[in-house]
C-alpha atoms as a PDB file:
ATOM      1  CA  ALA A   1     -20.516  -3.977  -8.124  1.00  0.00           C
ATOM      2  CA  GLU A   2     -19.522  -6.349 -10.820  1.00  0.00           C
ATOM      3  CA  PRO A   3     -16.649  -8.729  -9.995  1.00  0.00           C
ATOM      4  CA  PHE A   4     -14.097  -6.949 -12.203  1.00  0.00           C
ATOM      5  CA  GLU A   5     -14.803  -3.544 -10.652  1.00  0.00           C
ATOM      6  CA  TYR A   6     -14.768  -5.052  -7.173  1.00  0.00           C
ATOM      7  CA  ALA A   7     -11.378  -6.641  -7.836  1.00  0.00           C
ATOM      8  CA  ARG A   8      -9.992  -3.357  -9.195  1.00  0.00           C
ATOM      9  CA  ALA A   9     -11.287  -1.469  -6.163  1.00  0.00           C
ATOM     10  CA  LEU A  10      -9.504  -3.945  -3.892  1.00  0.00           C
ATOM     11  CA  TRP A  11      -6.352  -3.587  -5.994  1.00  0.00           C
ATOM     12  CA  PHE A  12      -6.359   0.200  -5.616  1.00  0.00           C
ATOM     13  CA  GLU A  13      -7.008  -0.073  -1.892  1.00  0.00           C
ATOM     14  CA  GLU A  14      -3.942  -2.318  -1.665  1.00  0.00           C
ATOM     15  CA  TYR A  15      -1.911   0.009  -3.906  1.00  0.00           C
ATOM     16  CA  GLY A  16      -2.746   2.865  -1.557  1.00  0.00           C
ATOM     17  CA  ASP A  17      -1.846   0.851   1.532  1.00  0.00           C
ATOM     18  CA  THR A  18       1.456  -0.359   0.116  1.00  0.00           C
ATOM     19  CA  ALA A  19       3.063   1.600  -2.717  1.00  0.00           C
ATOM     20  CA  LEU A  20       1.606   4.997  -1.827  1.00  0.00           C
ATOM     21  CA  ALA A  21       1.711   4.609   1.957  1.00  0.00           C
ATOM     22  CA  THR A  22       5.377   3.661   1.898  1.00  0.00           C
ATOM     23  CA  ILE A  23       6.308   6.858   0.083  1.00  0.00           C
ATOM     24  CA  LEU A  24       3.660   9.484   0.865  1.00  0.00           C
ATOM     25  CA  SER A  25       3.108   8.578   4.494  1.00  0.00           C
ATOM     26  CA  GLY A  26       6.153   6.586   5.499  1.00  0.00           C
ATOM     27  CA  ARG A  27       8.780   8.744   3.869  1.00  0.00           C
ATOM     28  CA  LEU A  28       7.379  12.247   3.334  1.00  0.00           C
ATOM     29  CA  PHE A  29       4.741  12.649   6.051  1.00  0.00           C
ATOM     30  CA  PHE A  30       7.003  11.087   8.652  1.00  0.00           C
ATOM     31  CA  GLN A  31       9.929  13.335   7.684  1.00  0.00           C
ATOM     32  CA  LYS A  32       7.979  16.579   7.369  1.00  0.00           C
ATOM     33  CA  VAL A  33       5.323  16.208  10.083  1.00  0.00           C
ATOM     34  CA  MET A  34       6.065  13.449  12.558  1.00  0.00           C
ATOM     35  CA  SER A  35       9.822  13.889  13.001  1.00  0.00           C
ATOM     36  CA  PRO A  36       9.760  17.602  13.853  1.00  0.00           C
ATOM     37  CA  ARG A  37       6.601  17.516  15.961  1.00  0.00           C
ATOM     38  CA  PHE A  38       7.004  14.299  17.893  1.00  0.00           C
ATOM     39  CA  PHE A  39      10.695  13.372  17.740  1.00  0.00           C
ATOM     40  CA  ASN A  40      12.220  16.865  17.788  1.00  0.00           C
ATOM     41  CA  ARG A  41      14.201  16.111  14.619  1.00  0.00           C
ATOM     42  CA  ALA A  42      14.374  18.260  11.530  1.00  0.00           C
ATOM     43  CA  ALA A  43      13.170  16.760   8.290  1.00  0.00           C
ATOM     44  CA  ASP A  44      15.833  15.437   5.957  1.00  0.00           C
ATOM     45  CA  GLU A  45      15.047  17.811   3.096  1.00  0.00           C
ATOM     46  CA  ALA A  46      17.517  16.185   0.693  1.00  0.00           C
ATOM     47  CA  ALA A  47      15.892  12.799   1.227  1.00  0.00           C
ATOM     48  CA  CYS A  48      12.439  14.325   0.731  1.00  0.00           C
ATOM     49  CA  GLN A  49      13.478  16.010  -2.512  1.00  0.00           C
ATOM     50  CA  LYS A  50      14.940  12.758  -3.793  1.00  0.00           C
ATOM     51  CA  VAL A  51      11.662  10.977  -3.046  1.00  0.00           C
ATOM     52  CA  VAL A  52       9.657  13.690  -4.810  1.00  0.00           C
ATOM     53  CA  LYS A  53      11.885  13.742  -7.880  1.00  0.00           C
ATOM     54  CA  GLU A  54      12.650  10.049  -8.261  1.00  0.00           C
ATOM     55  CA  GLU A  55      10.123   7.886  -6.455  1.00  0.00           C
ATOM     56  CA  LEU A  56       6.814   9.716  -6.809  1.00  0.00           C
ATOM     57  CA  PRO A  57       6.672  10.135 -10.593  1.00  0.00           C
ATOM     58  CA  PRO A  58       6.211   6.439 -11.469  1.00  0.00           C
ATOM     59  CA  LEU A  59       3.504   6.076  -8.809  1.00  0.00           C
ATOM     60  CA  PHE A  60       1.674   9.175  -9.989  1.00  0.00           C
ATOM     61  CA  ASP A  61       2.150   8.254 -13.663  1.00  0.00           C
ATOM     62  CA  TYR A  62       0.452   4.936 -12.987  1.00  0.00           C
ATOM     63  CA  LEU A  63      -2.496   6.548 -11.211  1.00  0.00           C
ATOM     64  CA  GLU A  64      -2.835   9.170 -13.943  1.00  0.00           C
ATOM     65  CA  SER A  65      -3.020   6.370 -16.517  1.00  0.00           C
ATOM     66  CA  GLN A  66      -5.749   4.582 -14.558  1.00  0.00           C
ATOM     67  CA  LEU A  67      -8.074   7.506 -13.942  1.00  0.00           C
ATOM     68  CA  ALA A  68     -10.997   8.005 -16.266  1.00  0.00           C
ATOM     69  CA  ALA A  69     -13.362  10.939 -16.335  1.00  0.00           C
ATOM     70  CA  GLY A  70     -15.325  11.034 -13.117  1.00  0.00           C
ATOM     71  CA  ASP A  71     -14.902  11.110  -9.396  1.00  0.00           C
ATOM     72  CA  ALA A  72     -14.036   7.463  -8.736  1.00  0.00           C
ATOM     73  CA  ILE A  73     -10.894   5.418  -9.320  1.00  0.00           C
ATOM     74  CA  VAL A  74     -13.039   2.457 -10.417  1.00  0.00           C
ATOM     75  CA  GLY A  75     -16.350   2.697 -12.220  1.00  0.00           C
ATOM     76  CA  LYS A  76     -18.769   5.445 -11.324  1.00  0.00           C
ATOM     77  CA  ARG A  77     -19.129   4.955  -7.566  1.00  0.00           C
ATOM     78  CA  PHE A  78     -16.924   5.889  -4.633  1.00  0.00           C
ATOM     79  CA  SER A  79     -15.354   2.714  -3.231  1.00  0.00           C
ATOM     80  CA  ILE A  80     -12.733   1.242  -0.933  1.00  0.00           C
ATOM     81  CA  GLY A  81     -10.253   1.888  -3.747  1.00  0.00           C
ATOM     82  CA  ASP A  82     -10.871   5.622  -3.472  1.00  0.00           C
ATOM     83  CA  ILE A  83     -10.420   5.545   0.286  1.00  0.00           C
ATOM     84  CA  GLY A  84      -7.165   3.611  -0.032  1.00  0.00           C
ATOM     85  CA  ILE A  85      -5.737   6.027  -2.585  1.00  0.00           C
ATOM     86  CA  ALA A  86      -7.050   9.382  -1.365  1.00  0.00           C
ATOM     87  CA  THR A  87      -6.186   8.787   2.288  1.00  0.00           C
ATOM     88  CA  GLN A  88      -2.493   8.730   1.457  1.00  0.00           C
ATOM     89  CA  PHE A  89      -2.826  12.073  -0.288  1.00  0.00           C
ATOM     90  CA  VAL A  90      -4.123  13.584   2.959  1.00  0.00           C
ATOM     91  CA  ASN A  91      -0.743  12.850   4.530  1.00  0.00           C
ATOM     92  CA  PHE A  92       0.995  14.122   1.389  1.00  0.00           C
ATOM     93  CA  ARG A  93      -0.933  17.362   1.831  1.00  0.00           C
ATOM     94  CA  HIS A  94      -0.059  17.610   5.533  1.00  0.00           C
ATOM     95  CA  ALA A  95       3.585  17.198   4.539  1.00  0.00           C
ATOM     96  CA  GLY A  96       3.252  20.352   2.442  1.00  0.00           C
ATOM     97  CA  TYR A  97       2.945  18.828  -1.013  1.00  0.00           C
ATOM     98  CA  THR A  98       0.341  18.877  -3.746  1.00  0.00           C
ATOM     99  CA  VAL A  99      -0.027  16.939  -6.959  1.00  0.00           C
ATOM    100  CA  ASP A 100       1.429  18.868  -9.899  1.00  0.00           C
ATOM    101  CA  ALA A 101      -1.719  19.561 -11.930  1.00  0.00           C
ATOM    102  CA  LYS A 102       0.261  20.305 -15.082  1.00  0.00           C
ATOM    103  CA  ARG A 103       2.019  16.956 -15.025  1.00  0.00           C
ATOM    104  CA  TRP A 104      -0.837  14.859 -13.581  1.00  0.00           C
ATOM    105  CA  PRO A 105      -4.082  16.749 -14.291  1.00  0.00           C
ATOM    106  CA  LYS A 106      -6.441  13.807 -13.788  1.00  0.00           C
ATOM    107  CA  LEU A 107      -4.769  12.805 -10.525  1.00  0.00           C
ATOM    108  CA  ALA A 108      -4.775  16.369  -9.193  1.00  0.00           C
ATOM    109  CA  GLY A 109      -8.468  16.755 -10.021  1.00  0.00           C
ATOM    110  CA  TYR A 110      -9.307  13.370  -8.556  1.00  0.00           C
ATOM    111  CA  VAL A 111      -7.510  14.083  -5.263  1.00  0.00           C
ATOM    112  CA  ALA A 112      -9.105  17.530  -4.991  1.00  0.00           C
ATOM    113  CA  GLY A 113     -12.532  16.041  -5.629  1.00  0.00           C
ATOM    114  CA  VAL A 114     -12.198  13.283  -3.052  1.00  0.00           C
ATOM    115  CA  HIS A 115     -10.731  15.651  -0.476  1.00  0.00           C
ATOM    116  CA  ALA A 116     -13.705  17.988  -1.009  1.00  0.00           C
ATOM    117  CA  ARG A 117     -16.139  15.235   0.017  1.00  0.00           C
ATOM    118  CA  PRO A 118     -17.662  16.116   3.407  1.00  0.00           C
ATOM    119  CA  SER A 119     -16.187  13.048   5.114  1.00  0.00           C
ATOM    120  CA  PHE A 120     -12.663  13.811   3.918  1.00  0.00           C
ATOM    121  CA  LYS A 121     -13.003  17.565   4.369  1.00  0.00           C
ATOM    122  CA  ARG A 122     -13.897  17.206   8.059  1.00  0.00           C
ATOM    123  CA  LEU A 123     -11.021  14.795   8.630  1.00  0.00           C
ATOM    124  CA  ILE A 124      -8.515  17.028   6.854  1.00  0.00           C
ATOM    125  CA  GLU A 125      -9.645  20.068   8.835  1.00  0.00           C
ATOM    126  CA  ALA A 126      -9.375  18.210  12.153  1.00  0.00           C
ATOM    127  CA  GLU A 127      -5.950  16.790  11.328  1.00  0.00           C
ATOM    128  CA  THR A 128      -4.716  20.155  10.052  1.00  0.00           C
ATOM    129  CA  ALA A 129      -5.636  21.707  13.385  1.00  0.00           C
ATOM    130  CA  PHE A 130      -3.981  18.860  15.301  1.00  0.00           C
ATOM    131  CA  PHE A 131      -0.740  18.803  13.313  1.00  0.00           C
ATOM    132  CA  GLY A 132      -0.594  22.553  12.788  1.00  0.00           C
ATOM    133  CA  THR A 133      -0.130  22.084   9.058  1.00  0.00           C
ATOM    134  CA  ALA A 134      -1.429  24.287   6.264  1.00  0.00           C
ATOM    135  CA  ALA A 135      -4.728  23.194   4.730  1.00  0.00           C
END
C-alpha cells in the first residue's frame, strides 16, 4: 500500500478502537449484552437511547463522509482499518442495533458487506450463539 493509504488505514483502526469502541462496545454492548448476562443487571435503556440519539450520529456522519464506493474504508483492499471499524459494529449488532440505512446508506452497506465476509460471518454466528443474541 502507498504511504497515504497505509496511514489512513491505521487512522481508521485507531478510530475504531477508540471513538467507536467507547460508544458501541463500551456503552451499548456492555449495557445491552454484558450487564444482563454476566452481572444480572438490566440495561439502562434511557442511557442507551441517549447514546443512540446524541453520541452516535457524529461518529456515523464522519464514517459516512469517508466511505467511497467499494468494500474498503481505504483504497480498494480490505485492511486493518476495516477490521478496526467493522469489529465494533459486530458488538453494535449484538446489542440489538443496526445502522440506519436511510440516514447512513454508505455506512450501512459497508458494514453489511464486511460482516458478510466469511471470516466475519463465522465470528458473528459463533458469538450470536454464545451471547444468545439475534443475528
